[in-house]
Amino acid sequence: MNPDNPIQIAPGLRIRLCTEEDFAQIWPFFRSIIQAEETYAFDPAMSEEQARHLWLQLPVKTYVVEQDGLAQHGSRILASYYIKANAAGPGSHVCNCGYMVSSAAQGMGLARQMCEHSQQVARALGFQAMQFNSVVSSNKVAVQLWQKLGFEIVGTLPKAYRSASLGLVDAYVMYKWL
């Protein structure tokens, strides 16, 4: 697999490398997700430039799920993910990913598609394992999906996440050997 080549995942949908220009379409759903304070431990007051740096410049690669639009409207970004080393030096064989899906695309299976794609990319980049450092326990859909895809809960961080709706909830460390 060449991680730089776009991959068709369904008619009119593809995963491809993210460009700087794509962030204008990512930012609205990124902002909405972090401001909800239910799934990501990012500052809800993060600026667009801070988010751009975190999502596009710190990772090894960032991808988008793009839906073809009508010719005059171009394409639409529905979701995005990044991949990066989880640690440096002796831990650099383990990667970390973050996935975000726009509210308009919820329920389309894009998180599954991105996670499966990210595992292929991880192998192509030489990573041997994937770790999610803080999966919010109340995000049942994500926890169940990651488990279906072979990730195990290897640790529980008690009351490590402050959910806007539920208060303090546990966060899981999830891990998969690739």
N, C-alpha and C. Protein backbone atom coordinates (compact mmCIF):
# COMPACT_ATOMS: atom_id res chain seq x y z
N MET A 1 0.83 -1.19 0.00
CA MET A 1 0.00 0.00 0.00
C MET A 1 0.87 1.24 0.00
N ASN A 2 0.59 2.15 -0.91
CA ASN A 2 1.23 3.46 -0.89
C ASN A 2 0.30 4.41 -0.13
N PRO A 3 0.69 4.86 1.08
CA PRO A 3 -0.20 5.68 1.89
C PRO A 3 -0.54 7.04 1.28
N ASP A 4 0.16 7.42 0.22
CA ASP A 4 -0.11 8.71 -0.41
C ASP A 4 -1.17 8.63 -1.52
N ASN A 5 -1.55 7.41 -1.90
CA ASN A 5 -2.55 7.25 -2.96
C ASN A 5 -3.96 7.29 -2.41
N PRO A 6 -4.86 8.02 -3.07
CA PRO A 6 -6.28 8.01 -2.64
C PRO A 6 -6.87 6.61 -2.79
N ILE A 7 -7.82 6.29 -1.92
CA ILE A 7 -8.49 4.99 -1.95
C ILE A 7 -9.99 5.23 -1.97
N GLN A 8 -10.66 4.61 -2.95
CA GLN A 8 -12.12 4.67 -3.05
C GLN A 8 -12.69 3.73 -2.00
N ILE A 9 -13.59 4.23 -1.12
CA ILE A 9 -14.17 3.38 -0.08
C ILE A 9 -15.64 3.08 -0.33
N ALA A 10 -16.26 3.83 -1.21
CA ALA A 10 -17.66 3.62 -1.61
C ALA A 10 -17.87 4.52 -2.82
N PRO A 11 -18.95 4.29 -3.57
CA PRO A 11 -19.21 5.19 -4.71
C PRO A 11 -19.28 6.65 -4.25
N GLY A 12 -18.43 7.46 -4.84
CA GLY A 12 -18.41 8.89 -4.52
C GLY A 12 -17.68 9.25 -3.24
N LEU A 13 -17.07 8.26 -2.56
CA LEU A 13 -16.33 8.52 -1.32
C LEU A 13 -14.91 7.99 -1.44
N ARG A 14 -13.95 8.80 -1.01
CA ARG A 14 -12.56 8.34 -1.02
C ARG A 14 -11.81 8.92 0.17
N ILE A 15 -10.78 8.19 0.56
CA ILE A 15 -9.84 8.67 1.58
C ILE A 15 -8.59 9.11 0.83
N ARG A 16 -8.13 10.31 1.15
CA ARG A 16 -6.92 10.83 0.51
C ARG A 16 -6.16 11.68 1.51
N LEU A 17 -4.91 11.98 1.17
CA LEU A 17 -4.11 12.88 2.01
C LEU A 17 -4.79 14.24 2.12
N CYS A 18 -4.69 14.79 3.28
CA CYS A 18 -5.25 16.12 3.56
C CYS A 18 -4.29 17.19 3.06
N THR A 19 -4.85 18.27 2.55
CA THR A 19 -4.06 19.43 2.15
C THR A 19 -4.34 20.58 3.12
N GLU A 20 -3.49 21.56 3.10
CA GLU A 20 -3.71 22.77 3.93
C GLU A 20 -5.07 23.39 3.61
N GLU A 21 -5.44 23.40 2.35
CA GLU A 21 -6.70 24.01 1.93
C GLU A 21 -7.92 23.26 2.49
N ASP A 22 -7.77 21.96 2.74
CA ASP A 22 -8.87 21.16 3.26
C ASP A 22 -9.29 21.59 4.66
N PHE A 23 -8.36 22.19 5.40
CA PHE A 23 -8.68 22.50 6.79
C PHE A 23 -9.85 23.47 6.93
N ALA A 24 -10.08 24.28 5.94
CA ALA A 24 -11.24 25.20 5.99
C ALA A 24 -12.55 24.41 6.12
N GLN A 25 -12.60 23.21 5.54
CA GLN A 25 -13.79 22.37 5.67
C GLN A 25 -13.76 21.50 6.93
N ILE A 26 -12.59 21.21 7.44
CA ILE A 26 -12.46 20.41 8.66
C ILE A 26 -12.79 21.25 9.89
N TRP A 27 -12.34 22.49 9.90
CA TRP A 27 -12.45 23.34 11.08
C TRP A 27 -13.87 23.41 11.65
N PRO A 28 -14.93 23.58 10.86
CA PRO A 28 -16.26 23.67 11.49
C PRO A 28 -16.64 22.43 12.30
N PHE A 29 -16.38 21.22 11.79
CA PHE A 29 -16.75 20.05 12.59
C PHE A 29 -15.72 19.78 13.69
N PHE A 30 -14.47 20.12 13.47
CA PHE A 30 -13.46 20.02 14.51
C PHE A 30 -13.87 20.89 15.70
N ARG A 31 -14.18 22.15 15.42
CA ARG A 31 -14.59 23.09 16.46
C ARG A 31 -15.82 22.59 17.21
N SER A 32 -16.81 22.12 16.48
CA SER A 32 -18.04 21.61 17.09
C SER A 32 -17.75 20.43 18.02
N ILE A 33 -16.89 19.53 17.60
CA ILE A 33 -16.55 18.35 18.41
C ILE A 33 -15.83 18.75 19.68
N ILE A 34 -14.84 19.62 19.59
CA ILE A 34 -14.11 19.97 20.81
C ILE A 34 -14.94 20.85 21.74
N GLN A 35 -15.80 21.69 21.18
CA GLN A 35 -16.64 22.54 22.02
C GLN A 35 -17.74 21.74 22.74
N ALA A 36 -18.11 20.59 22.21
CA ALA A 36 -19.10 19.74 22.87
C ALA A 36 -18.55 19.13 24.16
N GLU A 37 -17.24 18.98 24.25
CA GLU A 37 -16.56 18.43 25.43
C GLU A 37 -17.13 17.07 25.84
N GLU A 38 -17.29 16.18 24.85
CA GLU A 38 -17.78 14.83 25.13
C GLU A 38 -16.81 13.74 24.70
N THR A 39 -15.89 14.03 23.77
CA THR A 39 -15.04 12.97 23.25
C THR A 39 -13.56 13.33 23.15
N TYR A 40 -13.20 14.56 23.01
CA TYR A 40 -11.80 14.95 22.83
C TYR A 40 -11.32 15.82 23.98
N ALA A 41 -10.12 15.54 24.45
CA ALA A 41 -9.51 16.32 25.52
C ALA A 41 -8.67 17.45 24.93
N PHE A 42 -9.29 18.20 24.02
CA PHE A 42 -8.66 19.38 23.45
C PHE A 42 -9.35 20.60 24.05
N ASP A 43 -8.61 21.68 24.20
CA ASP A 43 -9.17 22.91 24.74
C ASP A 43 -10.32 23.38 23.87
N PRO A 44 -11.53 23.52 24.42
CA PRO A 44 -12.67 23.95 23.61
C PRO A 44 -12.52 25.38 23.08
N ALA A 45 -11.58 26.13 23.63
CA ALA A 45 -11.34 27.50 23.16
C ALA A 45 -10.17 27.55 22.17
N MET A 46 -9.71 26.40 21.72
CA MET A 46 -8.59 26.34 20.78
C MET A 46 -8.91 27.18 19.54
N SER A 47 -7.91 27.91 19.08
CA SER A 47 -8.09 28.72 17.87
C SER A 47 -7.97 27.85 16.63
N GLU A 48 -8.40 28.38 15.52
CA GLU A 48 -8.28 27.65 14.26
C GLU A 48 -6.81 27.38 13.93
N GLU A 49 -5.95 28.32 14.18
CA GLU A 49 -4.53 28.11 13.89
C GLU A 49 -3.91 27.04 14.79
N GLN A 50 -4.30 27.03 16.08
CA GLN A 50 -3.81 25.98 16.98
C GLN A 50 -4.30 24.61 16.51
N ALA A 51 -5.57 24.55 16.11
CA ALA A 51 -6.14 23.29 15.62
C ALA A 51 -5.45 22.84 14.35
N ARG A 52 -5.19 23.75 13.46
CA ARG A 52 -4.50 23.43 12.20
C ARG A 52 -3.12 22.83 12.51
N HIS A 53 -2.40 23.45 13.43
CA HIS A 53 -1.08 22.96 13.81
C HIS A 53 -1.18 21.54 14.38
N LEU A 54 -2.11 21.34 15.30
CA LEU A 54 -2.29 20.04 15.95
C LEU A 54 -2.71 18.96 14.96
N TRP A 55 -3.60 19.28 14.02
CA TRP A 55 -4.18 18.28 13.12
C TRP A 55 -3.34 18.06 11.86
N LEU A 56 -2.66 19.09 11.39
CA LEU A 56 -1.95 18.98 10.11
C LEU A 56 -0.43 18.96 10.22
N GLN A 57 0.13 19.64 11.20
CA GLN A 57 1.57 19.80 11.22
C GLN A 57 2.29 18.86 12.18
N LEU A 58 1.68 18.50 13.30
CA LEU A 58 2.33 17.59 14.25
C LEU A 58 2.32 16.14 13.78
N PRO A 59 1.27 15.66 13.13
CA PRO A 59 1.24 14.26 12.70
C PRO A 59 2.20 13.96 11.56
N VAL A 60 2.45 12.65 11.36
CA VAL A 60 3.22 12.18 10.21
C VAL A 60 2.40 12.41 8.95
N LYS A 61 1.11 12.06 9.02
CA LYS A 61 0.20 12.24 7.89
C LYS A 61 -1.20 12.52 8.42
N THR A 62 -1.98 13.24 7.62
CA THR A 62 -3.38 13.49 7.92
C THR A 62 -4.18 13.18 6.66
N TYR A 63 -5.34 12.58 6.86
CA TYR A 63 -6.20 12.16 5.74
C TYR A 63 -7.59 12.75 5.90
N VAL A 64 -8.30 12.80 4.79
CA VAL A 64 -9.70 13.21 4.80
C VAL A 64 -10.53 12.16 4.08
N VAL A 65 -11.80 12.10 4.46
CA VAL A 65 -12.79 11.36 3.69
C VAL A 65 -13.54 12.42 2.90
N GLU A 66 -13.49 12.27 1.60
CA GLU A 66 -14.04 13.26 0.69
C GLU A 66 -15.20 12.66 -0.09
N GLN A 67 -16.27 13.44 -0.19
CA GLN A 67 -17.43 13.04 -0.99
C GLN A 67 -17.45 13.89 -2.24
N ASP A 68 -17.55 13.22 -3.39
CA ASP A 68 -17.67 13.97 -4.64
C ASP A 68 -18.96 14.75 -4.63
N GLY A 69 -18.88 15.98 -5.09
CA GLY A 69 -20.06 16.81 -5.21
C GLY A 69 -20.42 17.02 -6.66
N LEU A 70 -21.39 17.83 -6.88
CA LEU A 70 -21.70 18.22 -8.25
C LEU A 70 -20.55 19.05 -8.78
N ALA A 71 -20.34 19.01 -10.06
CA ALA A 71 -19.17 19.68 -10.67
C ALA A 71 -19.02 21.13 -10.21
N GLN A 72 -20.12 21.86 -10.12
CA GLN A 72 -20.00 23.27 -9.75
C GLN A 72 -19.76 23.48 -8.25
N HIS A 73 -19.98 22.43 -7.44
CA HIS A 73 -19.81 22.57 -6.00
C HIS A 73 -18.53 21.94 -5.48
N GLY A 74 -17.85 21.16 -6.30
CA GLY A 74 -16.62 20.51 -5.86
C GLY A 74 -16.91 19.40 -4.88
N SER A 75 -15.90 19.03 -4.11
CA SER A 75 -16.06 17.93 -3.15
C SER A 75 -16.31 18.49 -1.76
N ARG A 76 -16.71 17.59 -0.87
CA ARG A 76 -17.02 17.97 0.50
C ARG A 76 -16.27 17.03 1.44
N ILE A 77 -15.60 17.59 2.44
CA ILE A 77 -14.88 16.81 3.44
C ILE A 77 -15.87 16.40 4.53
N LEU A 78 -15.98 15.09 4.75
CA LEU A 78 -16.93 14.56 5.73
C LEU A 78 -16.26 14.14 7.03
N ALA A 79 -14.98 13.80 6.96
CA ALA A 79 -14.27 13.29 8.13
C ALA A 79 -12.77 13.42 7.90
N SER A 80 -12.02 13.24 8.98
CA SER A 80 -10.56 13.35 8.88
C SER A 80 -9.91 12.55 10.00
N TYR A 81 -8.66 12.13 9.75
CA TYR A 81 -7.88 11.52 10.82
C TYR A 81 -6.40 11.83 10.60
N TYR A 82 -5.66 11.75 11.72
CA TYR A 82 -4.20 11.89 11.65
C TYR A 82 -3.56 10.63 12.18
N ILE A 83 -2.29 10.45 11.81
CA ILE A 83 -1.47 9.37 12.34
C ILE A 83 -0.11 9.96 12.71
N LYS A 84 0.38 9.55 13.87
CA LYS A 84 1.68 10.03 14.34
C LYS A 84 2.26 8.98 15.29
N ALA A 85 3.54 9.10 15.57
CA ALA A 85 4.15 8.23 16.58
C ALA A 85 3.56 8.60 17.93
N ASN A 86 3.29 7.59 18.75
CA ASN A 86 2.73 7.84 20.07
C ASN A 86 3.80 8.33 21.04
N ALA A 87 5.04 7.95 20.80
CA ALA A 87 6.16 8.35 21.64
C ALA A 87 7.41 8.42 20.77
N ALA A 88 8.48 8.90 21.33
CA ALA A 88 9.74 9.01 20.59
C ALA A 88 10.66 7.84 20.93
N GLY A 89 11.76 7.77 20.19
CA GLY A 89 12.81 6.80 20.48
C GLY A 89 12.32 5.37 20.56
N PRO A 90 12.57 4.70 21.68
CA PRO A 90 12.23 3.28 21.80
C PRO A 90 10.72 2.99 21.73
N GLY A 91 9.88 4.02 21.81
CA GLY A 91 8.44 3.82 21.70
C GLY A 91 7.88 4.23 20.36
N SER A 92 8.76 4.59 19.43
CA SER A 92 8.30 5.15 18.16
C SER A 92 7.70 4.13 17.20
N HIS A 93 7.72 2.86 17.56
CA HIS A 93 7.09 1.83 16.72
C HIS A 93 5.59 1.73 16.96
N VAL A 94 5.09 2.47 17.95
CA VAL A 94 3.66 2.49 18.27
C VAL A 94 3.10 3.83 17.78
N CYS A 95 2.03 3.76 17.00
CA CYS A 95 1.43 5.00 16.51
C CYS A 95 0.17 5.34 17.29
N ASN A 96 -0.29 6.54 17.05
CA ASN A 96 -1.51 7.07 17.65
C ASN A 96 -2.29 7.74 16.53
N CYS A 97 -3.59 7.60 16.58
CA CYS A 97 -4.46 8.26 15.59
C CYS A 97 -5.57 9.01 16.30
N GLY A 98 -6.09 10.02 15.64
CA GLY A 98 -7.28 10.72 16.09
C GLY A 98 -8.23 10.83 14.92
N TYR A 99 -9.50 10.55 15.16
CA TYR A 99 -10.51 10.52 14.09
C TYR A 99 -11.63 11.49 14.43
N MET A 100 -12.09 12.22 13.44
CA MET A 100 -13.25 13.10 13.61
C MET A 100 -14.16 12.95 12.41
N VAL A 101 -15.46 12.83 12.70
CA VAL A 101 -16.48 12.70 11.66
C VAL A 101 -17.47 13.85 11.84
N SER A 102 -17.80 14.53 10.75
CA SER A 102 -18.76 15.63 10.81
C SER A 102 -20.13 15.09 11.21
N SER A 103 -20.94 15.93 11.84
CA SER A 103 -22.28 15.50 12.25
C SER A 103 -23.11 15.07 11.04
N ALA A 104 -22.88 15.69 9.89
CA ALA A 104 -23.62 15.34 8.67
C ALA A 104 -23.32 13.92 8.19
N ALA A 105 -22.20 13.35 8.63
CA ALA A 105 -21.79 12.03 8.15
C ALA A 105 -21.88 10.96 9.23
N GLN A 106 -22.43 11.30 10.41
CA GLN A 106 -22.58 10.30 11.47
C GLN A 106 -23.41 9.13 10.97
N GLY A 107 -23.02 7.93 11.35
CA GLY A 107 -23.77 6.73 10.99
C GLY A 107 -23.46 6.17 9.61
N MET A 108 -22.51 6.76 8.90
CA MET A 108 -22.15 6.28 7.55
C MET A 108 -21.02 5.24 7.57
N GLY A 109 -20.51 4.92 8.75
CA GLY A 109 -19.42 3.95 8.84
C GLY A 109 -18.05 4.53 8.55
N LEU A 110 -17.92 5.85 8.59
CA LEU A 110 -16.65 6.47 8.22
C LEU A 110 -15.56 6.25 9.28
N ALA A 111 -15.94 6.21 10.56
CA ALA A 111 -14.93 5.96 11.60
C ALA A 111 -14.31 4.58 11.38
N ARG A 112 -15.13 3.59 11.07
CA ARG A 112 -14.62 2.24 10.79
C ARG A 112 -13.69 2.28 9.57
N GLN A 113 -14.12 2.94 8.51
CA GLN A 113 -13.31 3.02 7.29
C GLN A 113 -11.97 3.70 7.57
N MET A 114 -12.01 4.79 8.34
CA MET A 114 -10.76 5.49 8.65
C MET A 114 -9.85 4.64 9.52
N CYS A 115 -10.43 3.95 10.52
CA CYS A 115 -9.59 3.13 11.40
C CYS A 115 -8.95 1.98 10.61
N GLU A 116 -9.73 1.35 9.75
CA GLU A 116 -9.16 0.27 8.93
C GLU A 116 -8.06 0.82 8.01
N HIS A 117 -8.32 1.96 7.40
CA HIS A 117 -7.32 2.60 6.53
C HIS A 117 -6.08 2.97 7.34
N SER A 118 -6.28 3.53 8.52
CA SER A 118 -5.14 3.97 9.34
C SER A 118 -4.25 2.80 9.74
N GLN A 119 -4.84 1.62 9.94
CA GLN A 119 -4.03 0.46 10.28
C GLN A 119 -3.16 0.04 9.09
N GLN A 120 -3.70 0.14 7.88
CA GLN A 120 -2.91 -0.16 6.69
C GLN A 120 -1.79 0.87 6.52
N VAL A 121 -2.13 2.13 6.72
CA VAL A 121 -1.13 3.20 6.63
C VAL A 121 -0.05 2.98 7.68
N ALA A 122 -0.46 2.64 8.90
CA ALA A 122 0.50 2.42 9.98
C ALA A 122 1.52 1.34 9.59
N ARG A 123 1.02 0.24 9.07
CA ARG A 123 1.93 -0.83 8.64
C ARG A 123 2.86 -0.35 7.53
N ALA A 124 2.31 0.38 6.57
CA ALA A 124 3.12 0.89 5.45
C ALA A 124 4.20 1.86 5.94
N LEU A 125 3.92 2.58 7.02
CA LEU A 125 4.89 3.52 7.58
C LEU A 125 5.86 2.86 8.55
N GLY A 126 5.68 1.56 8.81
CA GLY A 126 6.60 0.84 9.68
C GLY A 126 6.18 0.75 11.13
N PHE A 127 5.00 1.23 11.48
CA PHE A 127 4.52 1.09 12.86
C PHE A 127 4.13 -0.37 13.11
N GLN A 128 4.28 -0.81 14.34
CA GLN A 128 3.97 -2.19 14.70
C GLN A 128 2.75 -2.31 15.60
N ALA A 129 2.31 -1.22 16.18
CA ALA A 129 1.15 -1.23 17.07
C ALA A 129 0.48 0.13 17.01
N MET A 130 -0.77 0.15 17.49
CA MET A 130 -1.53 1.40 17.53
C MET A 130 -2.12 1.54 18.94
N GLN A 131 -2.04 2.74 19.47
CA GLN A 131 -2.54 3.01 20.82
C GLN A 131 -3.41 4.25 20.81
N PHE A 132 -4.56 4.13 21.45
CA PHE A 132 -5.42 5.29 21.69
C PHE A 132 -5.25 5.62 23.17
N ASN A 133 -4.79 6.83 23.47
CA ASN A 133 -4.40 7.18 24.82
C ASN A 133 -5.55 7.55 25.75
N SER A 134 -6.66 8.00 25.19
CA SER A 134 -7.74 8.48 26.05
C SER A 134 -9.07 8.37 25.32
N VAL A 135 -9.65 7.16 25.32
CA VAL A 135 -10.96 6.95 24.73
C VAL A 135 -11.97 7.14 25.86
N VAL A 136 -12.82 8.12 25.73
CA VAL A 136 -13.77 8.46 26.79
C VAL A 136 -14.76 7.30 26.95
N SER A 137 -14.87 6.78 28.16
CA SER A 137 -15.69 5.59 28.42
C SER A 137 -17.15 5.79 28.07
N SER A 138 -17.65 7.00 28.16
CA SER A 138 -19.06 7.27 27.84
C SER A 138 -19.30 7.34 26.32
N ASN A 139 -18.23 7.32 25.54
CA ASN A 139 -18.35 7.29 24.08
C ASN A 139 -18.47 5.81 23.67
N LYS A 140 -19.61 5.24 24.01
CA LYS A 140 -19.84 3.79 23.85
C LYS A 140 -19.69 3.34 22.40
N VAL A 141 -20.15 4.15 21.45
CA VAL A 141 -20.06 3.77 20.04
C VAL A 141 -18.60 3.58 19.65
N ALA A 142 -17.75 4.51 20.03
CA ALA A 142 -16.32 4.41 19.69
C ALA A 142 -15.67 3.22 20.41
N VAL A 143 -15.94 3.06 21.70
CA VAL A 143 -15.34 1.96 22.45
C VAL A 143 -15.71 0.63 21.80
N GLN A 144 -16.99 0.44 21.47
CA GLN A 144 -17.43 -0.81 20.86
C GLN A 144 -16.82 -1.01 19.47
N LEU A 145 -16.74 0.06 18.69
CA LEU A 145 -16.14 -0.05 17.37
C LEU A 145 -14.67 -0.44 17.46
N TRP A 146 -13.92 0.23 18.32
CA TRP A 146 -12.49 -0.09 18.44
C TRP A 146 -12.32 -1.54 18.90
N GLN A 147 -13.18 -2.00 19.80
CA GLN A 147 -13.08 -3.39 20.24
C GLN A 147 -13.40 -4.35 19.09
N LYS A 148 -14.40 -4.05 18.28
CA LYS A 148 -14.72 -4.89 17.12
C LYS A 148 -13.55 -4.95 16.15
N LEU A 149 -12.77 -3.88 16.09
CA LEU A 149 -11.62 -3.82 15.19
C LEU A 149 -10.34 -4.37 15.82
N GLY A 150 -10.48 -5.00 16.99
CA GLY A 150 -9.35 -5.70 17.59
C GLY A 150 -8.58 -4.96 18.66
N PHE A 151 -9.03 -3.77 19.06
CA PHE A 151 -8.35 -3.03 20.11
C PHE A 151 -8.81 -3.54 21.47
N GLU A 152 -7.88 -3.61 22.41
CA GLU A 152 -8.19 -4.03 23.77
C GLU A 152 -8.05 -2.85 24.71
N ILE A 153 -8.88 -2.84 25.73
CA ILE A 153 -8.71 -1.86 26.81
C ILE A 153 -7.59 -2.40 27.69
N VAL A 154 -6.48 -1.67 27.72
CA VAL A 154 -5.33 -2.13 28.49
C VAL A 154 -5.13 -1.30 29.76
N GLY A 155 -5.96 -0.29 29.91
CA GLY A 155 -5.89 0.52 31.11
C GLY A 155 -7.10 1.41 31.24
N THR A 156 -7.46 1.70 32.48
CA THR A 156 -8.57 2.62 32.76
C THR A 156 -8.02 3.75 33.60
N LEU A 157 -8.29 4.96 33.15
CA LEU A 157 -7.88 6.16 33.88
C LEU A 157 -9.13 6.68 34.59
N PRO A 158 -9.25 6.43 35.91
CA PRO A 158 -10.47 6.79 36.62
C PRO A 158 -10.73 8.30 36.60
N LYS A 159 -11.94 8.64 36.22
CA LYS A 159 -12.41 10.03 36.23
C LYS A 159 -11.44 10.99 35.55
N ALA A 160 -10.85 10.54 34.44
CA ALA A 160 -9.81 11.33 33.76
C ALA A 160 -10.37 12.31 32.74
N TYR A 161 -11.68 12.23 32.47
CA TYR A 161 -12.28 13.12 31.47
C TYR A 161 -13.49 13.82 32.09
N ARG A 162 -13.58 15.12 31.85
CA ARG A 162 -14.70 15.91 32.36
C ARG A 162 -15.70 16.14 31.23
N SER A 163 -16.69 15.28 31.16
CA SER A 163 -17.74 15.36 30.13
C SER A 163 -18.67 16.52 30.46
N ALA A 164 -19.03 17.29 29.45
CA ALA A 164 -19.94 18.41 29.66
C ALA A 164 -21.30 17.95 30.16
N SER A 165 -21.74 16.77 29.74
CA SER A 165 -23.07 16.30 30.13
C SER A 165 -23.07 15.34 31.32
N LEU A 166 -21.98 14.63 31.55
CA LEU A 166 -21.96 13.58 32.59
C LEU A 166 -21.03 13.86 33.76
N GLY A 167 -20.24 14.90 33.68
CA GLY A 167 -19.26 15.15 34.72
C GLY A 167 -18.04 14.26 34.52
N LEU A 168 -17.40 13.86 35.61
CA LEU A 168 -16.17 13.07 35.52
C LEU A 168 -16.49 11.63 35.12
N VAL A 169 -15.82 11.17 34.05
CA VAL A 169 -15.97 9.80 33.57
C VAL A 169 -14.58 9.22 33.33
N ASP A 170 -14.53 7.90 33.27
CA ASP A 170 -13.26 7.21 33.02
C ASP A 170 -12.83 7.39 31.56
N ALA A 171 -11.55 7.22 31.34
CA ALA A 171 -11.00 7.18 29.99
C ALA A 171 -10.20 5.88 29.87
N TYR A 172 -10.22 5.31 28.68
CA TYR A 172 -9.53 4.05 28.44
C TYR A 172 -8.29 4.27 27.59
N VAL A 173 -7.26 3.47 27.87
CA VAL A 173 -6.14 3.32 26.97
C VAL A 173 -6.44 2.05 26.19
N MET A 174 -6.46 2.16 24.86
CA MET A 174 -6.78 1.01 24.01
C MET A 174 -5.60 0.75 23.09
N TYR A 175 -5.34 -0.52 22.82
CA TYR A 175 -4.10 -0.92 22.16
C TYR A 175 -4.35 -2.09 21.22
N LYS A 176 -3.62 -2.09 20.10
CA LYS A 176 -3.69 -3.21 19.16
C LYS A 176 -2.31 -3.42 18.54
N TRP A 177 -1.83 -4.66 18.60
CA TRP A 177 -0.62 -5.03 17.90
C TRP A 177 -0.99 -5.23 16.43
N LEU A 178 -0.27 -4.60 15.53
CA LEU A 178 -0.60 -4.66 14.10
C LEU A 178 0.09 -5.83 13.42
